[in-house]
Amino acid sequence: MERSGIGSTLDRLVVRLSDSVTIIRGDCRDVLLTLGKVDAVVTDPPYGHGYKANGCCLVEKDGWKPSKGPVEMEWNEEPFDPAPWLTFGTVVLWGANHYASRLPDSAAWLVWDKRDGKGENNLSDCELAWCNVGGSCRLVHHLWMGLCRADEVGQHLHPTQKPVRVMAWCMDRAKVPEGATVLDPYMGSGTTGIACHRTGRKFIGIEIDPAHFATARARLENELRHGLLPFTHN
């Protein structure tokens, strides 16, 4: 659900956490041909641009930690090619306004309004996702501006972390049915997987960065251990 940063890669590791949750450490481009049936791709891929944090987000050599001031790092500068993922029946790609010229036309864009409505800010007012399922543009409001969050307060686990509620919402808008298998090839901290578990969908997540993979594994193991938490994804 979230973009993967540059990290040292290890041998591929496949971990089946439950009958409905499988996570893979490796390069999604190499893993793609080994996957079984996948009903939908829902992800926030890297799109080849520099990343600058704004005082609340974070980078250290061996993991992501709070920063007292602006820090800067670069993602993989290779332009993102969405072509391998467009062959799937249902696709939701976040950050797609950064690579829209490489996507087919679609009327079904999804808009996540992140603002608190109290004034201007240094961060983006919204995030956009391209969706290949027919329909109209849809918008959800969910506060998520640095330290100001509607929920998951204090859980700064990834520089482009998404709220669980927003990922569940986008799967609903894309008409991904209960019981479907959802693939997130750029799993990040595992938010898409948590949203899938809480809404009755199966999940396959792939992450190349060992630190982010470890974070996602810990979050998903905790989620499975405690079962469904109070959650209303509508």
C-alpha atoms as a PDB file:
ATOM      1  CA  MET A   1       0.000   0.000   0.000  1.00  0.00           C
ATOM      2  CA  GLU A   2       2.918   2.224   0.496  1.00  0.00           C
ATOM      3  CA  ARG A   3       6.008   2.932  -1.559  1.00  0.00           C
ATOM      4  CA  SER A   4       9.210   1.012  -0.913  1.00  0.00           C
ATOM      5  CA  GLY A   5      12.415   2.894  -0.398  1.00  0.00           C
ATOM      6  CA  ILE A   6      15.856   1.778  -1.490  1.00  0.00           C
ATOM      7  CA  GLY A   7      17.129  -0.958   0.794  1.00  0.00           C
ATOM      8  CA  SER A   8      19.527  -3.869   0.743  1.00  0.00           C
ATOM      9  CA  THR A   9      17.816  -6.920  -0.677  1.00  0.00           C
ATOM     10  CA  LEU A  10      18.073 -10.430   0.706  1.00  0.00           C
ATOM     11  CA  ASP A  11      17.169 -13.830  -0.665  1.00  0.00           C
ATOM     12  CA  ARG A  12      13.470 -14.196  -1.326  1.00  0.00           C
ATOM     13  CA  LEU A  13      11.446 -15.125   1.732  1.00  0.00           C
ATOM     14  CA  VAL A  14       7.841 -16.308   1.611  1.00  0.00           C
ATOM     15  CA  VAL A  15       5.898 -16.218   4.883  1.00  0.00           C
ATOM     16  CA  ARG A  16       2.368 -17.569   5.119  1.00  0.00           C
ATOM     17  CA  LEU A  17       0.917 -15.900   8.191  1.00  0.00           C
ATOM     18  CA  SER A  18      -2.542 -17.459   7.822  1.00  0.00           C
ATOM     19  CA  ASP A  19      -4.766 -19.104   5.234  1.00  0.00           C
ATOM     20  CA  SER A  20      -5.597 -15.638   3.922  1.00  0.00           C
ATOM     21  CA  VAL A  21      -2.356 -13.651   4.425  1.00  0.00           C
ATOM     22  CA  THR A  22       0.938 -14.314   2.627  1.00  0.00           C
ATOM     23  CA  ILE A  23       3.859 -11.894   2.535  1.00  0.00           C
ATOM     24  CA  ILE A  24       6.979 -12.102   0.386  1.00  0.00           C
ATOM     25  CA  ARG A  25      10.337 -10.391   0.787  1.00  0.00           C
ATOM     26  CA  GLY A  26      11.767  -9.811  -2.663  1.00  0.00           C
ATOM     27  CA  ASP A  27      11.538  -7.837  -5.888  1.00  0.00           C
ATOM     28  CA  CYS A  28       7.931  -7.844  -7.105  1.00  0.00           C
ATOM     29  CA  ARG A  29       9.094  -7.927 -10.724  1.00  0.00           C
ATOM     30  CA  ASP A  30      10.790 -11.260 -10.075  1.00  0.00           C
ATOM     31  CA  VAL A  31       7.964 -12.638  -7.943  1.00  0.00           C
ATOM     32  CA  LEU A  32       5.135 -11.722 -10.319  1.00  0.00           C
ATOM     33  CA  LEU A  33       5.363 -14.829 -12.514  1.00  0.00           C
ATOM     34  CA  THR A  34       5.292 -17.155  -9.483  1.00  0.00           C
ATOM     35  CA  LEU A  35       1.998 -15.867  -8.100  1.00  0.00           C
ATOM     36  CA  GLY A  36      -1.223 -17.808  -8.303  1.00  0.00           C
ATOM     37  CA  LYS A  37      -4.684 -16.354  -8.761  1.00  0.00           C
ATOM     38  CA  VAL A  38      -4.940 -12.638  -7.960  1.00  0.00           C
ATOM     39  CA  ASP A  39      -8.244 -10.764  -8.244  1.00  0.00           C
ATOM     40  CA  ALA A  40      -7.055  -7.190  -7.659  1.00  0.00           C
ATOM     41  CA  VAL A  41      -3.896  -5.093  -7.379  1.00  0.00           C
ATOM     42  CA  VAL A  42      -4.103  -2.297  -4.805  1.00  0.00           C
ATOM     43  CA  THR A  43      -0.866  -0.444  -4.160  1.00  0.00           C
ATOM     44  CA  ASP A  44       1.070   2.794  -3.676  1.00  0.00           C
ATOM     45  CA  PRO A  45       4.108   2.252  -5.921  1.00  0.00           C
ATOM     46  CA  PRO A  46       7.402   4.148  -6.098  1.00  0.00           C
ATOM     47  CA  TYR A  47       7.196   6.664  -8.907  1.00  0.00           C
ATOM     48  CA  GLY A  48      10.789   7.827  -9.249  1.00  0.00           C
ATOM     49  CA  HIS A  49      11.123  11.191  -7.597  1.00  0.00           C
ATOM     50  CA  GLY A  50      13.017  12.682  -4.665  1.00  0.00           C
ATOM     51  CA  TYR A  51      11.291  12.543  -1.298  1.00  0.00           C
ATOM     52  CA  LYS A  52      11.539  15.369   1.208  1.00  0.00           C
ATOM     53  CA  ALA A  53      10.084  15.043   4.669  1.00  0.00           C
ATOM     54  CA  ASN A  54       8.495  17.997   6.412  1.00  0.00           C
ATOM     55  CA  GLY A  55       9.627  17.733   9.997  1.00  0.00           C
ATOM     56  CA  CYS A  56       7.433  14.787  11.019  1.00  0.00           C
ATOM     57  CA  CYS A  57       8.763  12.064   8.746  1.00  0.00           C
ATOM     58  CA  LEU A  58      11.876  10.362   8.995  1.00  0.00           C
ATOM     59  CA  VAL A  59      14.846   8.481   7.790  1.00  0.00           C
ATOM     60  CA  GLU A  60      17.793   6.694   9.297  1.00  0.00           C
ATOM     61  CA  LYS A  61      20.205   4.228   7.808  1.00  0.00           C
ATOM     62  CA  ASP A  62      18.549   1.137   9.277  1.00  0.00           C
ATOM     63  CA  GLY A  63      14.961   2.225   9.653  1.00  0.00           C
ATOM     64  CA  TRP A  64      12.412   5.016   9.872  1.00  0.00           C
ATOM     65  CA  LYS A  65      12.362   7.147  13.016  1.00  0.00           C
ATOM     66  CA  PRO A  66      10.967  10.577  13.978  1.00  0.00           C
ATOM     67  CA  SER A  67      12.970  13.556  12.855  1.00  0.00           C
ATOM     68  CA  LYS A  68      13.172  16.916  14.638  1.00  0.00           C
ATOM     69  CA  GLY A  69      13.593  18.762  11.377  1.00  0.00           C
ATOM     70  CA  PRO A  70      13.347  18.356   7.609  1.00  0.00           C
ATOM     71  CA  VAL A  71      15.299  15.452   6.202  1.00  0.00           C
ATOM     72  CA  GLU A  72      15.759  14.379   2.633  1.00  0.00           C
ATOM     73  CA  MET A  73      16.277  11.115   0.837  1.00  0.00           C
ATOM     74  CA  GLU A  74      15.825   9.863  -2.683  1.00  0.00           C
ATOM     75  CA  TRP A  75      13.702   6.986  -3.825  1.00  0.00           C
ATOM     76  CA  ASN A  76      14.771   4.840  -6.700  1.00  0.00           C
ATOM     77  CA  GLU A  77      14.903   7.401  -9.518  1.00  0.00           C
ATOM     78  CA  GLU A  78      13.901   4.847 -12.157  1.00  0.00           C
ATOM     79  CA  PRO A  79      10.542   5.982 -13.624  1.00  0.00           C
ATOM     80  CA  PHE A  80       7.702   3.768 -12.487  1.00  0.00           C
ATOM     81  CA  ASP A  81       6.255   1.557 -15.218  1.00  0.00           C
ATOM     82  CA  PRO A  82       2.675   0.534 -14.377  1.00  0.00           C
ATOM     83  CA  ALA A  83       2.382  -1.805 -17.379  1.00  0.00           C
ATOM     84  CA  PRO A  84       2.936  -5.120 -15.495  1.00  0.00           C
ATOM     85  CA  TRP A  85       0.019  -4.354 -13.183  1.00  0.00           C
ATOM     86  CA  LEU A  86      -2.473  -3.246 -15.823  1.00  0.00           C
ATOM     87  CA  THR A  87      -3.089  -6.823 -16.927  1.00  0.00           C
ATOM     88  CA  PHE A  88      -5.012  -7.577 -13.731  1.00  0.00           C
ATOM     89  CA  GLY A  89      -8.792  -7.343 -13.676  1.00  0.00           C
ATOM     90  CA  THR A  90      -9.096  -4.719 -10.933  1.00  0.00           C
ATOM     91  CA  VAL A  91      -6.337  -2.187 -10.286  1.00  0.00           C
ATOM     92  CA  VAL A  92      -5.973   0.737  -7.880  1.00  0.00           C
ATOM     93  CA  LEU A  93      -2.705   2.702  -8.149  1.00  0.00           C
ATOM     94  CA  TRP A  94      -2.069   5.521  -5.656  1.00  0.00           C
ATOM     95  CA  GLY A  95       0.085   8.488  -6.594  1.00  0.00           C
ATOM     96  CA  ALA A  96      -0.977   7.972 -10.205  1.00  0.00           C
ATOM     97  CA  ASN A  97      -1.016  11.701 -10.979  1.00  0.00           C
ATOM     98  CA  HIS A  98       2.793  11.415 -11.049  1.00  0.00           C
ATOM     99  CA  TYR A  99       2.761   8.886 -13.909  1.00  0.00           C
ATOM    100  CA  ALA A 100      -0.658   9.482 -15.491  1.00  0.00           C
ATOM    101  CA  SER A 101       0.853   9.741 -18.983  1.00  0.00           C
ATOM    102  CA  ARG A 102       1.690   6.026 -18.757  1.00  0.00           C
ATOM    103  CA  LEU A 103      -1.838   4.998 -17.806  1.00  0.00           C
ATOM    104  CA  PRO A 104      -4.996   4.487 -19.902  1.00  0.00           C
ATOM    105  CA  ASP A 105      -7.725   7.087 -19.588  1.00  0.00           C
ATOM    106  CA  SER A 106     -10.120   6.493 -16.704  1.00  0.00           C
ATOM    107  CA  ALA A 107     -13.088   8.350 -15.287  1.00  0.00           C
ATOM    108  CA  ALA A 108     -12.893   6.480 -11.980  1.00  0.00           C
ATOM    109  CA  TRP A 109     -10.194   8.409 -10.125  1.00  0.00           C
ATOM    110  CA  LEU A 110     -10.256   8.212  -6.330  1.00  0.00           C
ATOM    111  CA  VAL A 111      -9.466  11.267  -4.204  1.00  0.00           C
ATOM    112  CA  TRP A 112      -8.364  11.184  -0.574  1.00  0.00           C
ATOM    113  CA  ASP A 113      -8.850  14.600   1.057  1.00  0.00           C
ATOM    114  CA  LYS A 114      -6.303  14.780   3.904  1.00  0.00           C
ATOM    115  CA  ARG A 115      -6.959  18.318   5.168  1.00  0.00           C
ATOM    116  CA  ASP A 116      -8.160  19.505   8.544  1.00  0.00           C
ATOM    117  CA  GLY A 117     -10.028  22.411   6.955  1.00  0.00           C
ATOM    118  CA  LYS A 118      -8.349  24.976   9.182  1.00  0.00           C
ATOM    119  CA  GLY A 119      -5.919  26.555   6.766  1.00  0.00           C
ATOM    120  CA  GLU A 120      -2.978  25.998   4.468  1.00  0.00           C
ATOM    121  CA  ASN A 121      -0.262  23.480   5.161  1.00  0.00           C
ATOM    122  CA  ASN A 122       3.098  22.297   3.820  1.00  0.00           C
ATOM    123  CA  LEU A 123       1.817  18.904   2.754  1.00  0.00           C
ATOM    124  CA  SER A 124      -0.399  17.819  -0.126  1.00  0.00           C
ATOM    125  CA  ASP A 125      -4.092  18.558   0.358  1.00  0.00           C
ATOM    126  CA  CYS A 126      -5.027  15.231  -1.190  1.00  0.00           C
ATOM    127  CA  GLU A 127      -3.739  12.058  -2.810  1.00  0.00           C
ATOM    128  CA  LEU A 128      -5.057  10.544  -6.037  1.00  0.00           C
ATOM    129  CA  ALA A 129      -5.494   6.952  -7.146  1.00  0.00           C
ATOM    130  CA  TRP A 130      -6.137   5.683 -10.668  1.00  0.00           C
ATOM    131  CA  CYS A 131      -8.713   2.921 -10.897  1.00  0.00           C
ATOM    132  CA  ASN A 132      -9.629   0.815 -13.921  1.00  0.00           C
ATOM    133  CA  VAL A 133     -13.127  -0.016 -12.703  1.00  0.00           C
ATOM    134  CA  GLY A 134     -15.799   2.004 -14.470  1.00  0.00           C
ATOM    135  CA  GLY A 135     -17.600   4.732 -12.601  1.00  0.00           C
ATOM    136  CA  SER A 136     -17.187   8.326 -11.511  1.00  0.00           C
ATOM    137  CA  CYS A 137     -14.575  10.133  -9.450  1.00  0.00           C
ATOM    138  CA  ARG A 138     -15.070   9.489  -5.736  1.00  0.00           C
ATOM    139  CA  LEU A 139     -13.765  11.367  -2.707  1.00  0.00           C
ATOM    140  CA  VAL A 140     -13.167  10.413   0.916  1.00  0.00           C
ATOM    141  CA  HIS A 141     -12.206  12.795   3.712  1.00  0.00           C
ATOM    142  CA  HIS A 142      -9.852  11.419   6.348  1.00  0.00           C
ATOM    143  CA  LEU A 143      -7.558  13.722   8.335  1.00  0.00           C
ATOM    144  CA  TRP A 144      -3.906  12.714   7.914  1.00  0.00           C
ATOM    145  CA  MET A 145      -1.590  15.711   7.991  1.00  0.00           C
ATOM    146  CA  GLY A 146       1.734  14.972   9.641  1.00  0.00           C
ATOM    147  CA  LEU A 147       1.101  14.539  13.353  1.00  0.00           C
ATOM    148  CA  CYS A 148      -2.580  15.444  12.956  1.00  0.00           C
ATOM    149  CA  ARG A 149      -4.472  12.246  12.268  1.00  0.00           C
ATOM    150  CA  ALA A 150      -8.013  11.043  12.638  1.00  0.00           C
ATOM    151  CA  ASP A 151      -6.724   7.701  13.920  1.00  0.00           C
ATOM    152  CA  GLU A 152      -3.551   5.570  14.177  1.00  0.00           C
ATOM    153  CA  VAL A 153      -2.010   8.513  16.050  1.00  0.00           C
ATOM    154  CA  GLY A 154       1.675   8.007  16.789  1.00  0.00           C
ATOM    155  CA  GLN A 155       2.056   5.065  14.417  1.00  0.00           C
ATOM    156  CA  HIS A 156       4.625   6.608  12.064  1.00  0.00           C
ATOM    157  CA  LEU A 157       5.858   3.379  10.524  1.00  0.00           C
ATOM    158  CA  HIS A 158       6.588   4.400   6.939  1.00  0.00           C
ATOM    159  CA  PRO A 159       7.192   7.743   5.182  1.00  0.00           C
ATOM    160  CA  THR A 160       4.205   7.293   2.863  1.00  0.00           C
ATOM    161  CA  GLN A 161       1.989   5.312   5.209  1.00  0.00           C
ATOM    162  CA  LYS A 162      -1.719   5.206   4.412  1.00  0.00           C
ATOM    163  CA  PRO A 163      -4.634   4.943   6.865  1.00  0.00           C
ATOM    164  CA  VAL A 164      -6.266   1.528   7.080  1.00  0.00           C
ATOM    165  CA  ARG A 165      -9.678   3.135   6.583  1.00  0.00           C
ATOM    166  CA  VAL A 166      -8.628   4.772   3.314  1.00  0.00           C
ATOM    167  CA  MET A 167      -7.258   1.533   1.892  1.00  0.00           C
ATOM    168  CA  ALA A 168     -10.472  -0.287   2.838  1.00  0.00           C
ATOM    169  CA  TRP A 169     -12.488   2.528   1.256  1.00  0.00           C
ATOM    170  CA  CYS A 170     -10.620   2.366  -2.059  1.00  0.00           C
ATOM    171  CA  MET A 171     -11.181  -1.393  -2.291  1.00  0.00           C
ATOM    172  CA  ASP A 172     -14.880  -0.826  -1.728  1.00  0.00           C
ATOM    173  CA  ARG A 173     -14.955   1.854  -4.448  1.00  0.00           C
ATOM    174  CA  ALA A 174     -13.154  -0.543  -6.810  1.00  0.00           C
ATOM    175  CA  LYS A 175     -15.790  -3.189  -6.060  1.00  0.00           C
ATOM    176  CA  VAL A 176     -13.281  -5.736  -4.756  1.00  0.00           C
ATOM    177  CA  PRO A 177     -15.574  -8.408  -3.267  1.00  0.00           C
ATOM    178  CA  GLU A 178     -15.244 -10.118   0.084  1.00  0.00           C
ATOM    179  CA  GLY A 179     -13.097 -13.233  -0.275  1.00  0.00           C
ATOM    180  CA  ALA A 180     -11.125 -11.840  -3.225  1.00  0.00           C
ATOM    181  CA  THR A 181      -7.328 -12.078  -3.271  1.00  0.00           C
ATOM    182  CA  VAL A 182      -5.661  -8.662  -3.254  1.00  0.00           C
ATOM    183  CA  LEU A 183      -2.019  -8.149  -4.232  1.00  0.00           C
ATOM    184  CA  ASP A 184       0.072  -5.224  -2.983  1.00  0.00           C
ATOM    185  CA  PRO A 185       3.428  -5.516  -4.804  1.00  0.00           C
ATOM    186  CA  TYR A 186       4.854  -2.517  -2.889  1.00  0.00           C
ATOM    187  CA  MET A 187       3.621  -3.497   0.559  1.00  0.00           C
ATOM    188  CA  GLY A 188       5.537  -0.994   2.695  1.00  0.00           C
ATOM    189  CA  SER A 189       4.353  -1.328   6.305  1.00  0.00           C
ATOM    190  CA  GLY A 190       1.459  -3.640   5.435  1.00  0.00           C
ATOM    191  CA  THR A 191      -1.534  -1.306   5.645  1.00  0.00           C
ATOM    192  CA  THR A 192      -3.298  -2.860   2.651  1.00  0.00           C
ATOM    193  CA  GLY A 193      -2.964  -6.249   4.306  1.00  0.00           C
ATOM    194  CA  ILE A 194      -4.565  -5.023   7.519  1.00  0.00           C
ATOM    195  CA  ALA A 195      -7.418  -3.469   5.542  1.00  0.00           C
ATOM    196  CA  CYS A 196      -7.916  -6.769   3.693  1.00  0.00           C
ATOM    197  CA  HIS A 197      -7.993  -8.783   6.918  1.00  0.00           C
ATOM    198  CA  ARG A 198     -10.529  -6.461   8.510  1.00  0.00           C
ATOM    199  CA  THR A 199     -12.831  -6.533   5.498  1.00  0.00           C
ATOM    200  CA  GLY A 200     -12.766 -10.250   4.724  1.00  0.00           C
ATOM    201  CA  ARG A 201     -10.379 -10.199   1.761  1.00  0.00           C
ATOM    202  CA  LYS A 202      -7.294 -12.354   1.186  1.00  0.00           C
ATOM    203  CA  PHE A 203      -3.897 -10.671   0.893  1.00  0.00           C
ATOM    204  CA  ILE A 204      -0.549 -11.186  -0.812  1.00  0.00           C
ATOM    205  CA  GLY A 205       2.071  -8.532  -0.075  1.00  0.00           C
ATOM    206  CA  ILE A 206       5.541  -8.112  -1.596  1.00  0.00           C
ATOM    207  CA  GLU A 207       8.243  -5.841  -0.195  1.00  0.00           C
ATOM    208  CA  ILE A 208      11.875  -5.494  -1.293  1.00  0.00           C
ATOM    209  CA  ASP A 209      13.148  -3.504   1.696  1.00  0.00           C
ATOM    210  CA  PRO A 210      14.037  -5.799   4.639  1.00  0.00           C
ATOM    211  CA  ALA A 211      13.246  -3.177   7.291  1.00  0.00           C
ATOM    212  CA  HIS A 212       9.819  -2.394   5.873  1.00  0.00           C
ATOM    213  CA  PHE A 213       9.137  -6.110   5.393  1.00  0.00           C
ATOM    214  CA  ALA A 214       9.898  -6.698   9.091  1.00  0.00           C
ATOM    215  CA  THR A 215       7.548  -3.859  10.052  1.00  0.00           C
ATOM    216  CA  ALA A 216       4.744  -5.231   7.884  1.00  0.00           C
ATOM    217  CA  ARG A 217       5.230  -8.736   9.243  1.00  0.00           C
ATOM    218  CA  ALA A 218       5.066  -7.516  12.852  1.00  0.00           C
ATOM    219  CA  ARG A 219       1.926  -5.451  12.185  1.00  0.00           C
ATOM    220  CA  LEU A 220       0.131  -8.274  10.394  1.00  0.00           C
ATOM    221  CA  GLU A 221       1.117 -10.856  13.015  1.00  0.00           C
ATOM    222  CA  ASN A 222      -0.241  -8.552  15.699  1.00  0.00           C
ATOM    223  CA  GLU A 223      -3.435  -8.022  13.714  1.00  0.00           C
ATOM    224  CA  LEU A 224      -3.978 -11.746  13.267  1.00  0.00           C
ATOM    225  CA  ARG A 225      -3.136 -12.445  16.903  1.00  0.00           C
ATOM    226  CA  HIS A 226      -5.736 -10.037  18.225  1.00  0.00           C
ATOM    227  CA  GLY A 227      -8.376 -10.671  15.597  1.00  0.00           C
ATOM    228  CA  LEU A 228     -10.672  -7.967  14.308  1.00  0.00           C
ATOM    229  CA  LEU A 229     -10.341  -4.670  16.116  1.00  0.00           C
ATOM    230  CA  PRO A 230     -13.249  -2.202  16.301  1.00  0.00           C
ATOM    231  CA  PHE A 231     -13.444  -0.938  12.731  1.00  0.00           C
ATOM    232  CA  THR A 232     -16.079   0.527  10.458  1.00  0.00           C
ATOM    233  CA  HIS A 233     -14.666   0.697   6.925  1.00  0.00           C
ATOM    234  CA  ASN A 234     -17.723   2.326   5.398  1.00  0.00           C
END
